Amino acid sequence: MSGYTCNPRYNTPSPDVLRKLELSRLEAENVKTREMRCPICGFLLRIIPVTQTDIVFVKCRKCKFDGALSPAYFRRIRNCRVNRMQWEEL
């Protein structure tokens, strides 16, 4: 449990908090995740669990897109340029 490093200006976490951190880390190792990318520029916004379907409020650091996204609608965006070209052809 001593694998966690903290800033020295803060108090060392209690043994109970360290136990909860370790349990959280072990639980998180088994969760499958996926990337959520910006729908405008494709920049990586967050890494979320596969099972998450709640609305996520994001702000892109690259193109400054700011809004709410539903992971259910944005399952996979391969390349925004390719997607735009396909839509323009239709």
PDB file of N, CA and C in Angstrom:
ATOM      1  N   MET A   1       0.802  -1.197   0.000  1.00  0.00           N
ATOM      2  CA  MET A   1       0.000   0.000   0.000  1.00  0.00           C
ATOM      3  C   MET A   1       0.843   1.258   0.000  1.00  0.00           C
ATOM      4  N   SER A   2       2.136   1.117   0.057  1.00  0.00           N
ATOM      5  CA  SER A   2       2.995   2.297   0.090  1.00  0.00           C
ATOM      6  C   SER A   2       3.346   2.760  -1.319  1.00  0.00           C
ATOM      7  N   GLY A   3       2.670   2.272  -2.343  1.00  0.00           N
ATOM      8  CA  GLY A   3       2.962   2.642  -3.717  1.00  0.00           C
ATOM      9  C   GLY A   3       2.427   4.005  -4.113  1.00  0.00           C
ATOM     10  N   TYR A   4       1.697   4.652  -3.232  1.00  0.00           N
ATOM     11  CA  TYR A   4       1.124   5.956  -3.532  1.00  0.00           C
ATOM     12  C   TYR A   4       2.039   7.054  -3.025  1.00  0.00           C
ATOM     13  N   THR A   5       2.313   8.004  -3.892  1.00  0.00           N
ATOM     14  CA  THR A   5       3.136   9.140  -3.479  1.00  0.00           C
ATOM     15  C   THR A   5       2.244  10.365  -3.359  1.00  0.00           C
ATOM     16  N   CYS A   6       2.518  11.149  -2.366  1.00  0.00           N
ATOM     17  CA  CYS A   6       1.745  12.355  -2.111  1.00  0.00           C
ATOM     18  C   CYS A   6       2.690  13.533  -2.019  1.00  0.00           C
ATOM     19  N   ASN A   7       2.162  14.702  -2.251  1.00  0.00           N
ATOM     20  CA  ASN A   7       2.928  15.919  -2.082  1.00  0.00           C
ATOM     21  C   ASN A   7       3.295  16.046  -0.602  1.00  0.00           C
ATOM     22  N   PRO A   8       4.565  16.319  -0.273  1.00  0.00           N
ATOM     23  CA  PRO A   8       4.975  16.354   1.129  1.00  0.00           C
ATOM     24  C   PRO A   8       4.310  17.464   1.954  1.00  0.00           C
ATOM     25  N   ARG A   9       3.766  18.478   1.312  1.00  0.00           N
ATOM     26  CA  ARG A   9       3.139  19.543   2.105  1.00  0.00           C
ATOM     27  C   ARG A   9       1.759  19.131   2.635  1.00  0.00           C
ATOM     28  N   TYR A  10       1.221  17.998   2.156  1.00  0.00           N
ATOM     29  CA  TYR A  10      -0.042  17.480   2.666  1.00  0.00           C
ATOM     30  C   TYR A  10       0.235  16.352   3.650  1.00  0.00           C
ATOM     31  N   ASN A  11      -0.675  16.135   4.540  1.00  0.00           N
ATOM     32  CA  ASN A  11      -0.530  15.055   5.508  1.00  0.00           C
ATOM     33  C   ASN A  11      -0.587  13.710   4.808  1.00  0.00           C
ATOM     34  N   THR A  12       0.077  12.725   5.382  1.00  0.00           N
ATOM     35  CA  THR A  12       0.029  11.369   4.858  1.00  0.00           C
ATOM     36  C   THR A  12      -1.375  10.817   5.068  1.00  0.00           C
ATOM     37  N   PRO A  13      -1.964  10.182   4.049  1.00  0.00           N
ATOM     38  CA  PRO A  13      -3.314   9.631   4.219  1.00  0.00           C
ATOM     39  C   PRO A  13      -3.358   8.587   5.332  1.00  0.00           C
ATOM     40  N   SER A  14      -4.492   8.483   5.942  1.00  0.00           N
ATOM     41  CA  SER A  14      -4.678   7.505   7.019  1.00  0.00           C
ATOM     42  C   SER A  14      -4.667   6.095   6.427  1.00  0.00           C
ATOM     43  N   PRO A  15      -4.442   5.090   7.261  1.00  0.00           N
ATOM     44  CA  PRO A  15      -4.460   3.709   6.760  1.00  0.00           C
ATOM     45  C   PRO A  15      -5.798   3.320   6.119  1.00  0.00           C
ATOM     46  N   ASP A  16      -6.885   3.882   6.620  1.00  0.00           N
ATOM     47  CA  ASP A  16      -8.196   3.590   6.047  1.00  0.00           C
ATOM     48  C   ASP A  16      -8.299   4.133   4.619  1.00  0.00           C
ATOM     49  N   VAL A  17      -7.808   5.340   4.411  1.00  0.00           N
ATOM     50  CA  VAL A  17      -7.828   5.939   3.070  1.00  0.00           C
ATOM     51  C   VAL A  17      -6.900   5.166   2.140  1.00  0.00           C
ATOM     52  N   LEU A  18      -5.746   4.762   2.629  1.00  0.00           N
ATOM     53  CA  LEU A  18      -4.832   3.967   1.800  1.00  0.00           C
ATOM     54  C   LEU A  18      -5.456   2.629   1.409  1.00  0.00           C
ATOM     55  N   ARG A  19      -6.202   2.017   2.318  1.00  0.00           N
ATOM     56  CA  ARG A  19      -6.885   0.758   2.016  1.00  0.00           C
ATOM     57  C   ARG A  19      -7.937   0.965   0.927  1.00  0.00           C
ATOM     58  N   LYS A  20      -8.691   2.072   1.021  1.00  0.00           N
ATOM     59  CA  LYS A  20      -9.712   2.372   0.012  1.00  0.00           C
ATOM     60  C   LYS A  20      -9.081   2.664  -1.345  1.00  0.00           C
ATOM     61  N   LEU A  21      -7.936   3.349  -1.343  1.00  0.00           N
ATOM     62  CA  LEU A  21      -7.219   3.602  -2.599  1.00  0.00           C
ATOM     63  C   LEU A  21      -6.775   2.300  -3.250  1.00  0.00           C
ATOM     64  N   GLU A  22      -6.264   1.393  -2.444  1.00  0.00           N
ATOM     65  CA  GLU A  22      -5.811   0.105  -2.976  1.00  0.00           C
ATOM     66  C   GLU A  22      -6.975  -0.707  -3.522  1.00  0.00           C
ATOM     67  N   LEU A  23      -8.093  -0.727  -2.800  1.00  0.00           N
ATOM     68  CA  LEU A  23      -9.274  -1.441  -3.284  1.00  0.00           C
ATOM     69  C   LEU A  23      -9.803  -0.824  -4.581  1.00  0.00           C
ATOM     70  N   SER A  24      -9.774   0.495  -4.667  1.00  0.00           N
ATOM     71  CA  SER A  24     -10.223   1.171  -5.889  1.00  0.00           C
ATOM     72  C   SER A  24      -9.325   0.834  -7.067  1.00  0.00           C
ATOM     73  N   ARG A  25      -8.011   0.802  -6.822  1.00  0.00           N
ATOM     74  CA  ARG A  25      -7.064   0.476  -7.885  1.00  0.00           C
ATOM     75  C   ARG A  25      -7.289  -0.946  -8.383  1.00  0.00           C
ATOM     76  N   LEU A  26      -7.479  -1.882  -7.458  1.00  0.00           N
ATOM     77  CA  LEU A  26      -7.708  -3.279  -7.851  1.00  0.00           C
ATOM     78  C   LEU A  26      -9.012  -3.440  -8.625  1.00  0.00           C
ATOM     79  N   GLU A  27     -10.039  -2.722  -8.213  1.00  0.00           N
ATOM     80  CA  GLU A  27     -11.328  -2.783  -8.903  1.00  0.00           C
ATOM     81  C   GLU A  27     -11.239  -2.161 -10.296  1.00  0.00           C
ATOM     82  N   ALA A  28     -10.472  -1.082 -10.424  1.00  0.00           N
ATOM     83  CA  ALA A  28     -10.356  -0.379 -11.703  1.00  0.00           C
ATOM     84  C   ALA A  28      -9.558  -1.174 -12.730  1.00  0.00           C
ATOM     85  N   GLU A  29      -8.700  -2.077 -12.279  1.00  0.00           N
ATOM     86  CA  GLU A  29      -7.918  -2.882 -13.220  1.00  0.00           C
ATOM     87  C   GLU A  29      -8.798  -3.787 -14.070  1.00  0.00           C
ATOM     88  N   ASN A  30      -9.958  -4.174 -13.560  1.00  0.00           N
ATOM     89  CA  ASN A  30     -10.836  -5.098 -14.277  1.00  0.00           C
ATOM     90  C   ASN A  30     -11.851  -4.409 -15.174  1.00  0.00           C
ATOM     91  N   VAL A  31     -11.892  -3.090 -15.163  1.00  0.00           N
ATOM     92  CA  VAL A  31     -12.886  -2.347 -15.935  1.00  0.00           C
ATOM     93  C   VAL A  31     -12.356  -2.099 -17.347  1.00  0.00           C
ATOM     94  N   LYS A  32     -13.176  -2.427 -18.335  1.00  0.00           N
ATOM     95  CA  LYS A  32     -12.815  -2.133 -19.727  1.00  0.00           C
ATOM     96  C   LYS A  32     -13.151  -0.676 -19.995  1.00  0.00           C
ATOM     97  N   THR A  33     -12.259   0.006 -20.684  1.00  0.00           N
ATOM     98  CA  THR A  33     -12.445   1.430 -20.955  1.00  0.00           C
ATOM     99  C   THR A  33     -12.372   1.708 -22.447  1.00  0.00           C
ATOM    100  N   ARG A  34     -12.798   2.904 -22.806  1.00  0.00           N
ATOM    101  CA  ARG A  34     -12.672   3.366 -24.193  1.00  0.00           C
ATOM    102  C   ARG A  34     -12.424   4.858 -24.173  1.00  0.00           C
ATOM    103  N   GLU A  35     -11.951   5.361 -25.289  1.00  0.00           N
ATOM    104  CA  GLU A  35     -11.639   6.781 -25.395  1.00  0.00           C
ATOM    105  C   GLU A  35     -12.858   7.556 -25.863  1.00  0.00           C
ATOM    106  N   MET A  36     -13.072   8.723 -25.293  1.00  0.00           N
ATOM    107  CA  MET A  36     -14.091   9.640 -25.798  1.00  0.00           C
ATOM    108  C   MET A  36     -13.336  10.807 -26.428  1.00  0.00           C
ATOM    109  N   ARG A  37     -13.548  10.995 -27.711  1.00  0.00           N
ATOM    110  CA  ARG A  37     -12.839  12.042 -28.454  1.00  0.00           C
ATOM    111  C   ARG A  37     -13.773  13.172 -28.826  1.00  0.00           C
ATOM    112  N   CYS A  38     -13.195  14.334 -29.084  1.00  0.00           N
ATOM    113  CA  CYS A  38     -13.969  15.513 -29.468  1.00  0.00           C
ATOM    114  C   CYS A  38     -14.651  15.255 -30.811  1.00  0.00           C
ATOM    115  N   PRO A  39     -15.947  15.547 -30.922  1.00  0.00           N
ATOM    116  CA  PRO A  39     -16.631  15.316 -32.196  1.00  0.00           C
ATOM    117  C   PRO A  39     -16.211  16.295 -33.287  1.00  0.00           C
ATOM    118  N   ILE A  40     -15.562  17.373 -32.926  1.00  0.00           N
ATOM    119  CA  ILE A  40     -15.136  18.375 -33.911  1.00  0.00           C
ATOM    120  C   ILE A  40     -13.736  18.072 -34.443  1.00  0.00           C
ATOM    121  N   CYS A  41     -12.761  17.921 -33.537  1.00  0.00           N
ATOM    122  CA  CYS A  41     -11.373  17.781 -33.986  1.00  0.00           C
ATOM    123  C   CYS A  41     -10.759  16.415 -33.708  1.00  0.00           C
ATOM    124  N   GLY A  42     -11.416  15.562 -32.928  1.00  0.00           N
ATOM    125  CA  GLY A  42     -10.900  14.233 -32.654  1.00  0.00           C
ATOM    126  C   GLY A  42      -9.897  14.158 -31.522  1.00  0.00           C
ATOM    127  N   PHE A  43      -9.702  15.231 -30.768  1.00  0.00           N
ATOM    128  CA  PHE A  43      -8.763  15.261 -29.649  1.00  0.00           C
ATOM    129  C   PHE A  43      -9.304  14.408 -28.502  1.00  0.00           C
ATOM    130  N   LEU A  44      -8.429  13.694 -27.808  1.00  0.00           N
ATOM    131  CA  LEU A  44      -8.844  12.843 -26.702  1.00  0.00           C
ATOM    132  C   LEU A  44      -9.370  13.694 -25.549  1.00  0.00           C
ATOM    133  N   LEU A  45     -10.632  13.478 -25.183  1.00  0.00           N
ATOM    134  CA  LEU A  45     -11.247  14.236 -24.098  1.00  0.00           C
ATOM    135  C   LEU A  45     -11.168  13.493 -22.782  1.00  0.00           C
ATOM    136  N   ARG A  46     -11.578  12.239 -22.782  1.00  0.00           N
ATOM    137  CA  ARG A  46     -11.612  11.440 -21.559  1.00  0.00           C
ATOM    138  C   ARG A  46     -11.493   9.964 -21.898  1.00  0.00           C
ATOM    139  N   ILE A  47     -11.125   9.204 -20.911  1.00  0.00           N
ATOM    140  CA  ILE A  47     -11.190   7.748 -20.999  1.00  0.00           C
ATOM    141  C   ILE A  47     -12.291   7.340 -20.037  1.00  0.00           C
ATOM    142  N   ILE A  48     -13.314   6.682 -20.571  1.00  0.00           N
ATOM    143  CA  ILE A  48     -14.487   6.345 -19.765  1.00  0.00           C
ATOM    144  C   ILE A  48     -14.728   4.846 -19.786  1.00  0.00           C
ATOM    145  N   PRO A  49     -15.422   4.326 -18.772  1.00  0.00           N
ATOM    146  CA  PRO A  49     -15.770   2.900 -18.775  1.00  0.00           C
ATOM    147  C   PRO A  49     -16.722   2.566 -19.923  1.00  0.00           C
ATOM    148  N   VAL A  50     -16.625   1.375 -20.441  1.00  0.00           N
ATOM    149  CA  VAL A  50     -17.467   0.946 -21.557  1.00  0.00           C
ATOM    150  C   VAL A  50     -18.945   0.996 -21.175  1.00  0.00           C
ATOM    151  N   THR A  51     -19.253   0.704 -19.925  1.00  0.00           N
ATOM    152  CA  THR A  51     -20.643   0.630 -19.491  1.00  0.00           C
ATOM    153  C   THR A  51     -21.270   1.986 -19.181  1.00  0.00           C
ATOM    154  N   GLN A  52     -20.502   3.060 -19.211  1.00  0.00           N
ATOM    155  CA  GLN A  52     -21.053   4.372 -18.867  1.00  0.00           C
ATOM    156  C   GLN A  52     -21.951   4.896 -19.977  1.00  0.00           C
ATOM    157  N   THR A  53     -23.170   5.284 -19.611  1.00  0.00           N
ATOM    158  CA  THR A  53     -24.106   5.845 -20.582  1.00  0.00           C
ATOM    159  C   THR A  53     -24.637   7.199 -20.136  1.00  0.00           C
ATOM    160  N   ASP A  54     -24.149   7.717 -19.003  1.00  0.00           N
ATOM    161  CA  ASP A  54     -24.590   9.020 -18.518  1.00  0.00           C
ATOM    162  C   ASP A  54     -23.988  10.137 -19.352  1.00  0.00           C
ATOM    163  N   ILE A  55     -24.642  11.282 -19.317  1.00  0.00           N
ATOM    164  CA  ILE A  55     -24.160  12.461 -20.026  1.00  0.00           C
ATOM    165  C   ILE A  55     -22.837  12.920 -19.407  1.00  0.00           C
ATOM    166  N   VAL A  56     -21.881  13.307 -20.258  1.00  0.00           N
ATOM    167  CA  VAL A  56     -20.578  13.780 -19.812  1.00  0.00           C
ATOM    168  C   VAL A  56     -20.412  15.217 -20.304  1.00  0.00           C
ATOM    169  N   PHE A  57     -20.076  16.129 -19.399  1.00  0.00           N
ATOM    170  CA  PHE A  57     -19.824  17.510 -19.769  1.00  0.00           C
ATOM    171  C   PHE A  57     -18.328  17.667 -20.008  1.00  0.00           C
ATOM    172  N   VAL A  58     -17.969  18.119 -21.221  1.00  0.00           N
ATOM    173  CA  VAL A  58     -16.564  18.179 -21.612  1.00  0.00           C
ATOM    174  C   VAL A  58     -16.233  19.534 -22.212  1.00  0.00           C
ATOM    175  N   LYS A  59     -14.926  19.849 -22.200  1.00  0.00           N
ATOM    176  CA  LYS A  59     -14.408  21.002 -22.925  1.00  0.00           C
ATOM    177  C   LYS A  59     -13.118  20.559 -23.585  1.00  0.00           C
ATOM    178  N   CYS A  60     -13.054  20.724 -24.901  1.00  0.00           N
ATOM    179  CA  CYS A  60     -11.873  20.321 -25.658  1.00  0.00           C
ATOM    180  C   CYS A  60     -10.779  21.368 -25.479  1.00  0.00           C
ATOM    181  N   ARG A  61      -9.593  20.910 -25.147  1.00  0.00           N
ATOM    182  CA  ARG A  61      -8.470  21.836 -24.973  1.00  0.00           C
ATOM    183  C   ARG A  61      -7.904  22.300 -26.307  1.00  0.00           C
ATOM    184  N   LYS A  62      -8.233  21.588 -27.375  1.00  0.00           N
ATOM    185  CA  LYS A  62      -7.670  21.927 -28.678  1.00  0.00           C
ATOM    186  C   LYS A  62      -8.555  22.909 -29.445  1.00  0.00           C
ATOM    187  N   CYS A  63      -9.816  22.550 -29.676  1.00  0.00           N
ATOM    188  CA  CYS A  63     -10.699  23.401 -30.497  1.00  0.00           C
ATOM    189  C   CYS A  63     -11.685  24.211 -29.660  1.00  0.00           C
ATOM    190  N   LYS A  64     -11.665  24.041 -28.337  1.00  0.00           N
ATOM    191  CA  LYS A  64     -12.519  24.782 -27.398  1.00  0.00           C
ATOM    192  C   LYS A  64     -13.989  24.417 -27.480  1.00  0.00           C
ATOM    193  N   PHE A  65     -14.326  23.250 -28.053  1.00  0.00           N
ATOM    194  CA  PHE A  65     -15.705  22.772 -28.023  1.00  0.00           C
ATOM    195  C   PHE A  65     -16.098  22.596 -26.569  1.00  0.00           C
ATOM    196  N   ASP A  66     -17.268  23.092 -26.208  1.00  0.00           N
ATOM    197  CA  ASP A  66     -17.739  23.003 -24.830  1.00  0.00           C
ATOM    198  C   ASP A  66     -19.185  22.544 -24.862  1.00  0.00           C
ATOM    199  N   GLY A  67     -19.456  21.379 -24.293  1.00  0.00           N
ATOM    200  CA  GLY A  67     -20.822  20.905 -24.311  1.00  0.00           C
ATOM    201  C   GLY A  67     -20.973  19.555 -23.654  1.00  0.00           C
ATOM    202  N   ALA A  68     -22.186  19.060 -23.716  1.00  0.00           N
ATOM    203  CA  ALA A  68     -22.517  17.769 -23.131  1.00  0.00           C
ATOM    204  C   ALA A  68     -22.539  16.715 -24.229  1.00  0.00           C
ATOM    205  N   LEU A  69     -21.964  15.566 -23.934  1.00  0.00           N
ATOM    206  CA  LEU A  69     -21.953  14.455 -24.876  1.00  0.00           C
ATOM    207  C   LEU A  69     -22.521  13.219 -24.204  1.00  0.00           C
ATOM    208  N   SER A  70     -23.256  12.451 -24.960  1.00  0.00           N
ATOM    209  CA  SER A  70     -23.752  11.177 -24.471  1.00  0.00           C
ATOM    210  C   SER A  70     -22.860  10.086 -25.042  1.00  0.00           C
ATOM    211  N   PRO A  71     -22.211   9.307 -24.192  1.00  0.00           N
ATOM    212  CA  PRO A  71     -21.344   8.237 -24.696  1.00  0.00           C
ATOM    213  C   PRO A  71     -22.078   7.235 -25.579  1.00  0.00           C
ATOM    214  N   ALA A  72     -23.385   7.133 -25.422  1.00  0.00           N
ATOM    215  CA  ALA A  72     -24.154   6.206 -26.252  1.00  0.00           C
ATOM    216  C   ALA A  72     -24.135   6.626 -27.720  1.00  0.00           C
ATOM    217  N   TYR A  73     -24.097   7.926 -27.998  1.00  0.00           N
ATOM    218  CA  TYR A  73     -24.079   8.408 -29.380  1.00  0.00           C
ATOM    219  C   TYR A  73     -22.678   8.484 -29.961  1.00  0.00           C
ATOM    220  N   PHE A  74     -21.671   8.613 -29.120  1.00  0.00           N
ATOM    221  CA  PHE A  74     -20.301   8.768 -29.594  1.00  0.00           C
ATOM    222  C   PHE A  74     -19.481   7.543 -29.226  1.00  0.00           C
ATOM    223  N   ARG A  75     -19.868   6.409 -29.769  1.00  0.00           N
ATOM    224  CA  ARG A  75     -19.165   5.161 -29.489  1.00  0.00           C
ATOM    225  C   ARG A  75     -17.811   5.114 -30.175  1.00  0.00           C
ATOM    226  N   ARG A  76     -17.761   5.548 -31.430  1.00  0.00           N
ATOM    227  CA  ARG A  76     -16.510   5.459 -32.162  1.00  0.00           C
ATOM    228  C   ARG A  76     -16.442   6.570 -33.198  1.00  0.00           C
ATOM    229  N   ILE A  77     -15.385   7.344 -33.138  1.00  0.00           N
ATOM    230  CA  ILE A  77     -15.101   8.339 -34.159  1.00  0.00           C
ATOM    231  C   ILE A  77     -13.691   8.019 -34.644  1.00  0.00           C
ATOM    232  N   ARG A  78     -13.600   7.494 -35.849  1.00  0.00           N
ATOM    233  CA  ARG A  78     -12.289   7.075 -36.331  1.00  0.00           C
ATOM    234  C   ARG A  78     -11.444   8.257 -36.759  1.00  0.00           C
ATOM    235  N   ASN A  79     -11.918   9.002 -37.724  1.00  0.00           N
ATOM    236  CA  ASN A  79     -11.171  10.147 -38.206  1.00  0.00           C
ATOM    237  C   ASN A  79     -12.185  11.183 -38.652  1.00  0.00           C
ATOM    238  N   CYS A  80     -12.166  12.328 -38.036  1.00  0.00           N
ATOM    239  CA  CYS A  80     -13.180  13.343 -38.323  1.00  0.00           C
ATOM    240  C   CYS A  80     -13.108  13.817 -39.772  1.00  0.00           C
ATOM    241  N   ARG A  81     -11.911  13.897 -40.321  1.00  0.00           N
ATOM    242  CA  ARG A  81     -11.788  14.353 -41.711  1.00  0.00           C
ATOM    243  C   ARG A  81     -12.457  13.373 -42.662  1.00  0.00           C
ATOM    244  N   VAL A  82     -12.255  12.094 -42.427  1.00  0.00           N
ATOM    245  CA  VAL A  82     -12.878  11.079 -43.274  1.00  0.00           C
ATOM    246  C   VAL A  82     -14.388  11.161 -43.118  1.00  0.00           C
ATOM    247  N   ASN A  83     -14.877  11.310 -41.886  1.00  0.00           N
ATOM    248  CA  ASN A  83     -16.311  11.402 -41.651  1.00  0.00           C
ATOM    249  C   ASN A  83     -16.907  12.615 -42.360  1.00  0.00           C
ATOM    250  N   ARG A  84     -16.227  13.757 -42.315  1.00  0.00           N
ATOM    251  CA  ARG A  84     -16.730  14.963 -42.993  1.00  0.00           C
ATOM    252  C   ARG A  84     -16.785  14.763 -44.496  1.00  0.00           C
ATOM    253  N   MET A  85     -15.758  14.142 -45.061  1.00  0.00           N
ATOM    254  CA  MET A  85     -15.736  13.915 -46.507  1.00  0.00           C
ATOM    255  C   MET A  85     -16.864  12.989 -46.916  1.00  0.00           C
ATOM    256  N   GLN A  86     -17.144  11.980 -46.099  1.00  0.00           N
ATOM    257  CA  GLN A  86     -18.248  11.062 -46.427  1.00  0.00           C
ATOM    258  C   GLN A  86     -19.567  11.787 -46.386  1.00  0.00           C
ATOM    259  N   TRP A  87     -19.764  12.682 -45.393  1.00  0.00           N
ATOM    260  CA  TRP A  87     -21.019  13.436 -45.318  1.00  0.00           C
ATOM    261  C   TRP A  87     -21.159  14.413 -46.469  1.00  0.00           C
ATOM    262  N   GLU A  88     -20.048  15.013 -46.906  1.00  0.00           N
ATOM    263  CA  GLU A  88     -20.114  15.963 -48.014  1.00  0.00           C
ATOM    264  C   GLU A  88     -20.459  15.261 -49.327  1.00  0.00           C
ATOM    265  N   GLU A  89     -20.032  14.002 -49.469  1.00  0.00           N
ATOM    266  CA  GLU A  89     -20.334  13.260 -50.686  1.00  0.00           C
ATOM    267  C   GLU A  89     -21.807  12.899 -50.779  1.00  0.00           C
ATOM    268  N   LEU A  90     -22.480  12.759 -49.613  1.00  0.00           N
ATOM    269  CA  LEU A  90     -23.893  12.365 -49.615  1.00  0.00           C
ATOM    270  C   LEU A  90     -24.715  13.504 -50.019  1.00  0.00           C
TER     271      LEU A  90
END
